[in-house]
């Protein structure tokens, strides 16, 4: 396995992904520091983008010779050398999903899925409520740029926010959180509406993704005008559950 220093050289190879676009391109465009490994720098057949958020992305040629061993080597050598022994892998096509199925079975991996939502802008505009939630700009978790955040405060304390914390290829991955004692009051919806309106005004497409068990997140997404677009397999490996390498 070879680590590539010039990530931008390979970014077009990841165009095949139709989901997690801002997560991927936030690294290719330099917002966050990712690590890209290939099997061969001259004629790469297997490419894996590792992000600091444990979401990683595989692409290349699923019909390459010894593809299972090549994928296995890159992913699990990386995990052996990484202090954090966990990873979530995504593939762009059914062929690549079949490859990850076989590789992760070797290591007792876990198969889950992510719900990918797409915004219906007309529905959002109809449901948009006027509020005075301000947009601020922050840079956390290693971001090299400031990204937009809508925060709601109570008694000077931030109790809910919606952040466009990953920006790439004209998309923003958004994250919503509300303190437990302040849930059920509509704060998350207010913050989300403010941020989504800001993003659309900047011609940035907001992306919403969540896990199946996060029912509140799905309900909030649908109330804002997001529609479930697809369910994508998520291949998970955690040393504490799957066993040592």
C-alpha atoms as a PDB file:
ATOM      1  CA  UNK A   1       0.000   0.000   0.000  1.00  0.00           C
ATOM      2  CA  UNK A   2       1.204   3.471  -0.896  1.00  0.00           C
ATOM      3  CA  UNK A   3       0.100   6.742   0.685  1.00  0.00           C
ATOM      4  CA  UNK A   4      -0.509   9.475  -1.871  1.00  0.00           C
ATOM      5  CA  UNK A   5       0.587  13.006  -1.008  1.00  0.00           C
ATOM      6  CA  UNK A   6      -1.247  14.766  -3.836  1.00  0.00           C
ATOM      7  CA  UNK A   7      -4.881  13.891  -3.117  1.00  0.00           C
ATOM      8  CA  UNK A   8      -6.265  16.216  -5.803  1.00  0.00           C
ATOM      9  CA  UNK A   9      -4.695  14.028  -8.501  1.00  0.00           C
ATOM     10  CA  UNK A  10      -7.188  11.275  -7.664  1.00  0.00           C
ATOM     11  CA  UNK A  11     -10.333  13.227  -6.787  1.00  0.00           C
ATOM     12  CA  UNK A  12     -12.050  12.505 -10.111  1.00  0.00           C
ATOM     13  CA  UNK A  13     -11.841   8.788  -9.342  1.00  0.00           C
ATOM     14  CA  UNK A  14     -14.307   9.405  -6.502  1.00  0.00           C
ATOM     15  CA  UNK A  15     -16.915  11.079  -8.720  1.00  0.00           C
ATOM     16  CA  UNK A  16     -18.668   7.706  -8.853  1.00  0.00           C
ATOM     17  CA  UNK A  17     -20.010   8.308  -5.333  1.00  0.00           C
ATOM     18  CA  UNK A  18     -23.555   9.678  -5.307  1.00  0.00           C
ATOM     19  CA  UNK A  19     -23.685   9.992  -1.517  1.00  0.00           C
ATOM     20  CA  UNK A  20     -21.451  11.548   1.157  1.00  0.00           C
ATOM     21  CA  UNK A  21     -20.183  13.974  -1.493  1.00  0.00           C
ATOM     22  CA  UNK A  22     -19.198  16.789   0.914  1.00  0.00           C
ATOM     23  CA  UNK A  23     -17.560  14.307   3.297  1.00  0.00           C
ATOM     24  CA  UNK A  24     -15.321  13.077   0.494  1.00  0.00           C
ATOM     25  CA  UNK A  25     -14.568  16.397  -1.179  1.00  0.00           C
ATOM     26  CA  UNK A  26     -14.007  18.307   2.054  1.00  0.00           C
ATOM     27  CA  UNK A  27     -10.771  16.317   2.114  1.00  0.00           C
ATOM     28  CA  UNK A  28      -9.902  16.657  -1.563  1.00  0.00           C
ATOM     29  CA  UNK A  29     -10.510  20.401  -1.351  1.00  0.00           C
ATOM     30  CA  UNK A  30      -8.347  20.784   1.734  1.00  0.00           C
ATOM     31  CA  UNK A  31     -10.847  21.501   4.511  1.00  0.00           C
ATOM     32  CA  UNK A  32      -9.756  18.438   6.463  1.00  0.00           C
ATOM     33  CA  UNK A  33      -6.650  16.293   6.319  1.00  0.00           C
ATOM     34  CA  UNK A  34      -7.445  12.888   4.886  1.00  0.00           C
ATOM     35  CA  UNK A  35      -5.142  10.035   3.907  1.00  0.00           C
ATOM     36  CA  UNK A  36      -5.363   8.366   0.525  1.00  0.00           C
ATOM     37  CA  UNK A  37      -3.828   4.943  -0.043  1.00  0.00           C
ATOM     38  CA  UNK A  38      -3.493   3.115  -3.355  1.00  0.00           C
ATOM     39  CA  UNK A  39      -2.189  -0.267  -4.417  1.00  0.00           C
ATOM     40  CA  UNK A  40      -0.041   1.233  -7.191  1.00  0.00           C
ATOM     41  CA  UNK A  41       0.782   4.893  -7.742  1.00  0.00           C
ATOM     42  CA  UNK A  42       1.307   4.568 -11.502  1.00  0.00           C
ATOM     43  CA  UNK A  43      -1.771   2.493 -12.335  1.00  0.00           C
ATOM     44  CA  UNK A  44      -3.970   2.371  -9.217  1.00  0.00           C
ATOM     45  CA  UNK A  45      -6.690  -0.267  -9.157  1.00  0.00           C
ATOM     46  CA  UNK A  46      -7.675   0.170  -5.516  1.00  0.00           C
ATOM     47  CA  UNK A  47      -7.984   3.549  -3.788  1.00  0.00           C
ATOM     48  CA  UNK A  48      -9.152   4.152  -0.230  1.00  0.00           C
ATOM     49  CA  UNK A  49      -9.713   7.602   1.265  1.00  0.00           C
ATOM     50  CA  UNK A  50      -9.423   7.556   5.052  1.00  0.00           C
ATOM     51  CA  UNK A  51     -10.930  10.517   6.914  1.00  0.00           C
ATOM     52  CA  UNK A  52     -10.329  11.558  10.548  1.00  0.00           C
ATOM     53  CA  UNK A  53     -14.047  10.978  11.204  1.00  0.00           C
ATOM     54  CA  UNK A  54     -13.817   7.167  10.720  1.00  0.00           C
ATOM     55  CA  UNK A  55     -15.878   7.315   7.503  1.00  0.00           C
ATOM     56  CA  UNK A  56     -13.738   5.911   4.681  1.00  0.00           C
ATOM     57  CA  UNK A  57     -14.326   5.479   0.962  1.00  0.00           C
ATOM     58  CA  UNK A  58     -13.244   2.800  -1.531  1.00  0.00           C
ATOM     59  CA  UNK A  59     -13.087   3.065  -5.315  1.00  0.00           C
ATOM     60  CA  UNK A  60     -11.077   1.922  -8.344  1.00  0.00           C
ATOM     61  CA  UNK A  61     -11.529  -1.262 -10.379  1.00  0.00           C
ATOM     62  CA  UNK A  62     -13.557  -3.949  -8.579  1.00  0.00           C
ATOM     63  CA  UNK A  63     -12.487  -6.500 -11.192  1.00  0.00           C
ATOM     64  CA  UNK A  64      -8.757  -5.986 -10.615  1.00  0.00           C
ATOM     65  CA  UNK A  65      -6.588  -9.037 -10.108  1.00  0.00           C
ATOM     66  CA  UNK A  66      -6.396 -10.093  -6.443  1.00  0.00           C
ATOM     67  CA  UNK A  67      -8.762  -7.251  -5.572  1.00  0.00           C
ATOM     68  CA  UNK A  68      -9.887  -8.850  -2.302  1.00  0.00           C
ATOM     69  CA  UNK A  69      -6.341  -9.126  -1.001  1.00  0.00           C
ATOM     70  CA  UNK A  70      -5.474  -5.608  -2.146  1.00  0.00           C
ATOM     71  CA  UNK A  71      -8.490  -4.089  -0.407  1.00  0.00           C
ATOM     72  CA  UNK A  72      -7.864  -6.189   2.694  1.00  0.00           C
ATOM     73  CA  UNK A  73      -4.239  -5.091   2.852  1.00  0.00           C
ATOM     74  CA  UNK A  74      -4.962  -1.378   2.526  1.00  0.00           C
ATOM     75  CA  UNK A  75      -7.864  -1.235   4.986  1.00  0.00           C
ATOM     76  CA  UNK A  76      -6.579  -3.518   7.689  1.00  0.00           C
ATOM     77  CA  UNK A  77      -2.939  -2.494   7.507  1.00  0.00           C
ATOM     78  CA  UNK A  78      -4.164   1.057   8.027  1.00  0.00           C
ATOM     79  CA  UNK A  79      -6.184  -0.081  11.044  1.00  0.00           C
ATOM     80  CA  UNK A  80      -3.250  -2.006  12.494  1.00  0.00           C
ATOM     81  CA  UNK A  81      -1.128   1.129  12.310  1.00  0.00           C
ATOM     82  CA  UNK A  82      -3.843   3.477  13.513  1.00  0.00           C
ATOM     83  CA  UNK A  83      -4.344   4.189  17.191  1.00  0.00           C
ATOM     84  CA  UNK A  84      -8.121   4.148  16.821  1.00  0.00           C
ATOM     85  CA  UNK A  85      -9.127   0.593  15.967  1.00  0.00           C
ATOM     86  CA  UNK A  86     -12.410   1.218  14.209  1.00  0.00           C
ATOM     87  CA  UNK A  87     -13.626   2.126  10.750  1.00  0.00           C
ATOM     88  CA  UNK A  88     -16.743   2.518   8.615  1.00  0.00           C
ATOM     89  CA  UNK A  89     -16.266   1.805   4.905  1.00  0.00           C
ATOM     90  CA  UNK A  90     -18.468   2.822   2.007  1.00  0.00           C
ATOM     91  CA  UNK A  91     -18.453   1.626  -1.601  1.00  0.00           C
ATOM     92  CA  UNK A  92     -19.884   3.419  -4.669  1.00  0.00           C
ATOM     93  CA  UNK A  93     -21.292   0.442  -6.610  1.00  0.00           C
ATOM     94  CA  UNK A  94     -22.800  -3.015  -6.118  1.00  0.00           C
ATOM     95  CA  UNK A  95     -19.585  -4.605  -7.405  1.00  0.00           C
ATOM     96  CA  UNK A  96     -17.535  -2.799  -4.792  1.00  0.00           C
ATOM     97  CA  UNK A  97     -20.090  -3.640  -2.117  1.00  0.00           C
ATOM     98  CA  UNK A  98     -19.636  -7.313  -2.979  1.00  0.00           C
ATOM     99  CA  UNK A  99     -15.884  -6.882  -2.507  1.00  0.00           C
ATOM    100  CA  UNK A 100     -16.343  -5.279   0.918  1.00  0.00           C
ATOM    101  CA  UNK A 101     -18.826  -8.026   1.870  1.00  0.00           C
ATOM    102  CA  UNK A 102     -16.140 -10.650   1.344  1.00  0.00           C
ATOM    103  CA  UNK A 103     -13.285  -8.689   2.892  1.00  0.00           C
ATOM    104  CA  UNK A 104     -15.204  -7.768   6.036  1.00  0.00           C
ATOM    105  CA  UNK A 105     -16.377 -11.360   6.526  1.00  0.00           C
ATOM    106  CA  UNK A 106     -12.709 -12.297   6.868  1.00  0.00           C
ATOM    107  CA  UNK A 107     -12.488 -10.005   9.893  1.00  0.00           C
ATOM    108  CA  UNK A 108     -15.956 -10.583  11.402  1.00  0.00           C
ATOM    109  CA  UNK A 109     -17.073  -7.134  10.343  1.00  0.00           C
ATOM    110  CA  UNK A 110     -20.559  -5.717  10.819  1.00  0.00           C
ATOM    111  CA  UNK A 111     -22.964  -4.638   8.080  1.00  0.00           C
ATOM    112  CA  UNK A 112     -25.241  -1.683   8.761  1.00  0.00           C
ATOM    113  CA  UNK A 113     -26.618   1.081   6.541  1.00  0.00           C
ATOM    114  CA  UNK A 114     -26.948   4.843   6.316  1.00  0.00           C
ATOM    115  CA  UNK A 115     -30.090   6.692   5.266  1.00  0.00           C
ATOM    116  CA  UNK A 116     -29.301   9.327   2.641  1.00  0.00           C
ATOM    117  CA  UNK A 117     -31.774  12.209   2.352  1.00  0.00           C
ATOM    118  CA  UNK A 118     -32.147  14.808  -0.392  1.00  0.00           C
ATOM    119  CA  UNK A 119     -33.816  18.181   0.082  1.00  0.00           C
ATOM    120  CA  UNK A 120     -36.997  18.978  -1.828  1.00  0.00           C
ATOM    121  CA  UNK A 121     -36.427  22.724  -2.095  1.00  0.00           C
ATOM    122  CA  UNK A 122     -40.040  23.540  -2.952  1.00  0.00           C
ATOM    123  CA  UNK A 123     -41.305  21.723   0.151  1.00  0.00           C
ATOM    124  CA  UNK A 124     -38.655  23.408   2.299  1.00  0.00           C
ATOM    125  CA  UNK A 125     -39.628  26.861   1.043  1.00  0.00           C
ATOM    126  CA  UNK A 126     -43.288  26.183   1.846  1.00  0.00           C
ATOM    127  CA  UNK A 127     -42.408  25.087   5.376  1.00  0.00           C
ATOM    128  CA  UNK A 128     -39.809  27.771   6.014  1.00  0.00           C
ATOM    129  CA  UNK A 129     -40.611  29.814   9.087  1.00  0.00           C
ATOM    130  CA  UNK A 130     -39.125  33.234   9.702  1.00  0.00           C
ATOM    131  CA  UNK A 131     -36.805  33.184  12.689  1.00  0.00           C
ATOM    132  CA  UNK A 132     -33.937  35.297  13.939  1.00  0.00           C
ATOM    133  CA  UNK A 133     -31.368  32.554  14.427  1.00  0.00           C
ATOM    134  CA  UNK A 134     -28.034  34.041  13.417  1.00  0.00           C
ATOM    135  CA  UNK A 135     -25.373  32.307  11.364  1.00  0.00           C
ATOM    136  CA  UNK A 136     -21.902  32.278  12.895  1.00  0.00           C
ATOM    137  CA  UNK A 137     -18.675  30.865  11.494  1.00  0.00           C
ATOM    138  CA  UNK A 138     -16.538  28.352  13.330  1.00  0.00           C
ATOM    139  CA  UNK A 139     -13.664  25.965  12.689  1.00  0.00           C
ATOM    140  CA  UNK A 140     -13.458  22.852  14.846  1.00  0.00           C
ATOM    141  CA  UNK A 141     -12.150  19.292  14.600  1.00  0.00           C
ATOM    142  CA  UNK A 142      -9.245  20.232  12.362  1.00  0.00           C
ATOM    143  CA  UNK A 143     -11.125  22.288   9.769  1.00  0.00           C
ATOM    144  CA  UNK A 144      -8.822  24.658   7.883  1.00  0.00           C
ATOM    145  CA  UNK A 145     -11.703  27.003   7.032  1.00  0.00           C
ATOM    146  CA  UNK A 146     -14.628  28.502   8.886  1.00  0.00           C
ATOM    147  CA  UNK A 147     -17.946  26.844   8.187  1.00  0.00           C
ATOM    148  CA  UNK A 148     -21.479  28.142   8.902  1.00  0.00           C
ATOM    149  CA  UNK A 149     -23.316  27.256  12.114  1.00  0.00           C
ATOM    150  CA  UNK A 150     -26.776  28.275  13.334  1.00  0.00           C
ATOM    151  CA  UNK A 151     -26.851  28.344  17.151  1.00  0.00           C
ATOM    152  CA  UNK A 152     -29.692  28.834  19.590  1.00  0.00           C
ATOM    153  CA  UNK A 153     -28.910  30.198  23.037  1.00  0.00           C
ATOM    154  CA  UNK A 154     -30.787  30.117  26.300  1.00  0.00           C
ATOM    155  CA  UNK A 155     -29.463  32.277  29.142  1.00  0.00           C
ATOM    156  CA  UNK A 156     -26.201  32.725  27.280  1.00  0.00           C
ATOM    157  CA  UNK A 157     -25.715  28.980  26.744  1.00  0.00           C
ATOM    158  CA  UNK A 158     -25.758  27.227  23.378  1.00  0.00           C
ATOM    159  CA  UNK A 159     -28.507  24.604  23.673  1.00  0.00           C
ATOM    160  CA  UNK A 160     -28.941  23.643  20.014  1.00  0.00           C
ATOM    161  CA  UNK A 161     -27.062  24.049  16.769  1.00  0.00           C
ATOM    162  CA  UNK A 162     -27.016  23.043  13.124  1.00  0.00           C
ATOM    163  CA  UNK A 163     -23.606  23.099  11.431  1.00  0.00           C
ATOM    164  CA  UNK A 164     -22.527  22.767   7.821  1.00  0.00           C
ATOM    165  CA  UNK A 165     -19.289  21.307   9.083  1.00  0.00           C
ATOM    166  CA  UNK A 166     -18.134  19.652   5.853  1.00  0.00           C
ATOM    167  CA  UNK A 167     -18.090  21.617   2.607  1.00  0.00           C
ATOM    168  CA  UNK A 168     -17.121  20.199  -0.760  1.00  0.00           C
ATOM    169  CA  UNK A 169     -18.143  20.139  -4.421  1.00  0.00           C
ATOM    170  CA  UNK A 170     -20.977  22.598  -3.773  1.00  0.00           C
ATOM    171  CA  UNK A 171     -22.486  20.463  -0.994  1.00  0.00           C
ATOM    172  CA  UNK A 172     -22.572  20.739   2.792  1.00  0.00           C
ATOM    173  CA  UNK A 173     -22.872  17.845   5.233  1.00  0.00           C
ATOM    174  CA  UNK A 174     -25.006  19.110   8.094  1.00  0.00           C
ATOM    175  CA  UNK A 175     -25.018  18.062  11.719  1.00  0.00           C
ATOM    176  CA  UNK A 176     -27.735  18.903  14.249  1.00  0.00           C
ATOM    177  CA  UNK A 177     -27.476  18.563  18.006  1.00  0.00           C
ATOM    178  CA  UNK A 178     -29.632  19.717  20.912  1.00  0.00           C
ATOM    179  CA  UNK A 179     -28.832  19.327  24.594  1.00  0.00           C
ATOM    180  CA  UNK A 180     -30.996  16.610  26.132  1.00  0.00           C
ATOM    181  CA  UNK A 181     -32.832  18.900  28.561  1.00  0.00           C
ATOM    182  CA  UNK A 182     -33.851  21.206  25.705  1.00  0.00           C
ATOM    183  CA  UNK A 183     -35.168  18.628  23.243  1.00  0.00           C
ATOM    184  CA  UNK A 184     -38.777  18.638  22.099  1.00  0.00           C
ATOM    185  CA  UNK A 185     -38.967  22.430  21.994  1.00  0.00           C
ATOM    186  CA  UNK A 186     -38.355  22.873  18.255  1.00  0.00           C
ATOM    187  CA  UNK A 187     -34.871  24.323  18.662  1.00  0.00           C
ATOM    188  CA  UNK A 188     -33.262  21.815  16.304  1.00  0.00           C
ATOM    189  CA  UNK A 189     -35.795  22.637  13.611  1.00  0.00           C
ATOM    190  CA  UNK A 190     -35.286  26.372  14.048  1.00  0.00           C
ATOM    191  CA  UNK A 191     -31.500  26.055  13.787  1.00  0.00           C
ATOM    192  CA  UNK A 192     -31.776  23.700  10.808  1.00  0.00           C
ATOM    193  CA  UNK A 193     -34.102  26.024   8.911  1.00  0.00           C
ATOM    194  CA  UNK A 194     -31.776  28.967   9.440  1.00  0.00           C
ATOM    195  CA  UNK A 195     -28.716  27.072   8.261  1.00  0.00           C
ATOM    196  CA  UNK A 196     -30.413  25.428   5.281  1.00  0.00           C
ATOM    197  CA  UNK A 197     -31.763  28.803   4.120  1.00  0.00           C
ATOM    198  CA  UNK A 198     -28.266  30.271   4.393  1.00  0.00           C
ATOM    199  CA  UNK A 199     -26.751  27.383   2.417  1.00  0.00           C
ATOM    200  CA  UNK A 200     -29.356  27.618  -0.350  1.00  0.00           C
ATOM    201  CA  UNK A 201     -28.802  31.382  -0.578  1.00  0.00           C
ATOM    202  CA  UNK A 202     -25.106  30.581  -1.157  1.00  0.00           C
ATOM    203  CA  UNK A 203     -26.046  27.996  -3.819  1.00  0.00           C
ATOM    204  CA  UNK A 204     -24.801  25.157  -1.596  1.00  0.00           C
ATOM    205  CA  UNK A 205     -26.763  21.901  -1.481  1.00  0.00           C
ATOM    206  CA  UNK A 206     -27.414  20.695   2.106  1.00  0.00           C
ATOM    207  CA  UNK A 207     -26.961  16.938   2.608  1.00  0.00           C
ATOM    208  CA  UNK A 208     -28.570  14.994   5.455  1.00  0.00           C
ATOM    209  CA  UNK A 209     -27.473  11.461   6.385  1.00  0.00           C
ATOM    210  CA  UNK A 210     -28.265   9.394   9.449  1.00  0.00           C
ATOM    211  CA  UNK A 211     -28.351   5.902  10.959  1.00  0.00           C
ATOM    212  CA  UNK A 212     -31.551   3.804  10.944  1.00  0.00           C
ATOM    213  CA  UNK A 213     -31.847   3.922  14.731  1.00  0.00           C
ATOM    214  CA  UNK A 214     -31.830   7.738  14.819  1.00  0.00           C
ATOM    215  CA  UNK A 215     -35.583   8.130  14.446  1.00  0.00           C
ATOM    216  CA  UNK A 216     -35.631  11.722  15.717  1.00  0.00           C
ATOM    217  CA  UNK A 217     -33.118  12.710  13.040  1.00  0.00           C
ATOM    218  CA  UNK A 218     -35.241  11.118  10.310  1.00  0.00           C
ATOM    219  CA  UNK A 219     -38.388  12.796  11.607  1.00  0.00           C
ATOM    220  CA  UNK A 220     -36.676  16.190  11.696  1.00  0.00           C
ATOM    221  CA  UNK A 221     -35.268  15.716   8.191  1.00  0.00           C
ATOM    222  CA  UNK A 222     -38.709  14.887   6.779  1.00  0.00           C
ATOM    223  CA  UNK A 223     -40.321  17.845   8.579  1.00  0.00           C
ATOM    224  CA  UNK A 224     -37.850  20.147   6.824  1.00  0.00           C
ATOM    225  CA  UNK A 225     -38.591  18.763   3.375  1.00  0.00           C
ATOM    226  CA  UNK A 226     -35.898  16.121   3.035  1.00  0.00           C
ATOM    227  CA  UNK A 227     -36.853  12.939   1.203  1.00  0.00           C
ATOM    228  CA  UNK A 228     -35.181   9.569   1.671  1.00  0.00           C
ATOM    229  CA  UNK A 229     -33.082   9.083  -1.462  1.00  0.00           C
ATOM    230  CA  UNK A 230     -31.294   5.798  -0.796  1.00  0.00           C
ATOM    231  CA  UNK A 231     -30.026   3.411   1.840  1.00  0.00           C
ATOM    232  CA  UNK A 232     -26.323   2.667   1.475  1.00  0.00           C
ATOM    233  CA  UNK A 233     -24.473  -0.236   3.109  1.00  0.00           C
ATOM    234  CA  UNK A 234     -22.003   0.725   5.822  1.00  0.00           C
ATOM    235  CA  UNK A 235     -19.253  -1.802   6.580  1.00  0.00           C
ATOM    236  CA  UNK A 236     -18.146  -1.465  10.182  1.00  0.00           C
ATOM    237  CA  UNK A 237     -15.145  -2.893  11.995  1.00  0.00           C
ATOM    238  CA  UNK A 238     -14.499  -2.213  15.683  1.00  0.00           C
ATOM    239  CA  UNK A 239     -11.739  -4.096  17.448  1.00  0.00           C
ATOM    240  CA  UNK A 240     -13.662  -4.376  20.744  1.00  0.00           C
ATOM    241  CA  UNK A 241     -16.526  -6.154  18.946  1.00  0.00           C
ATOM    242  CA  UNK A 242     -14.884  -7.885  15.976  1.00  0.00           C
ATOM    243  CA  UNK A 243     -11.671  -9.061  17.683  1.00  0.00           C
ATOM    244  CA  UNK A 244      -8.027  -8.131  17.432  1.00  0.00           C
ATOM    245  CA  UNK A 245      -6.287  -8.135  14.079  1.00  0.00           C
END
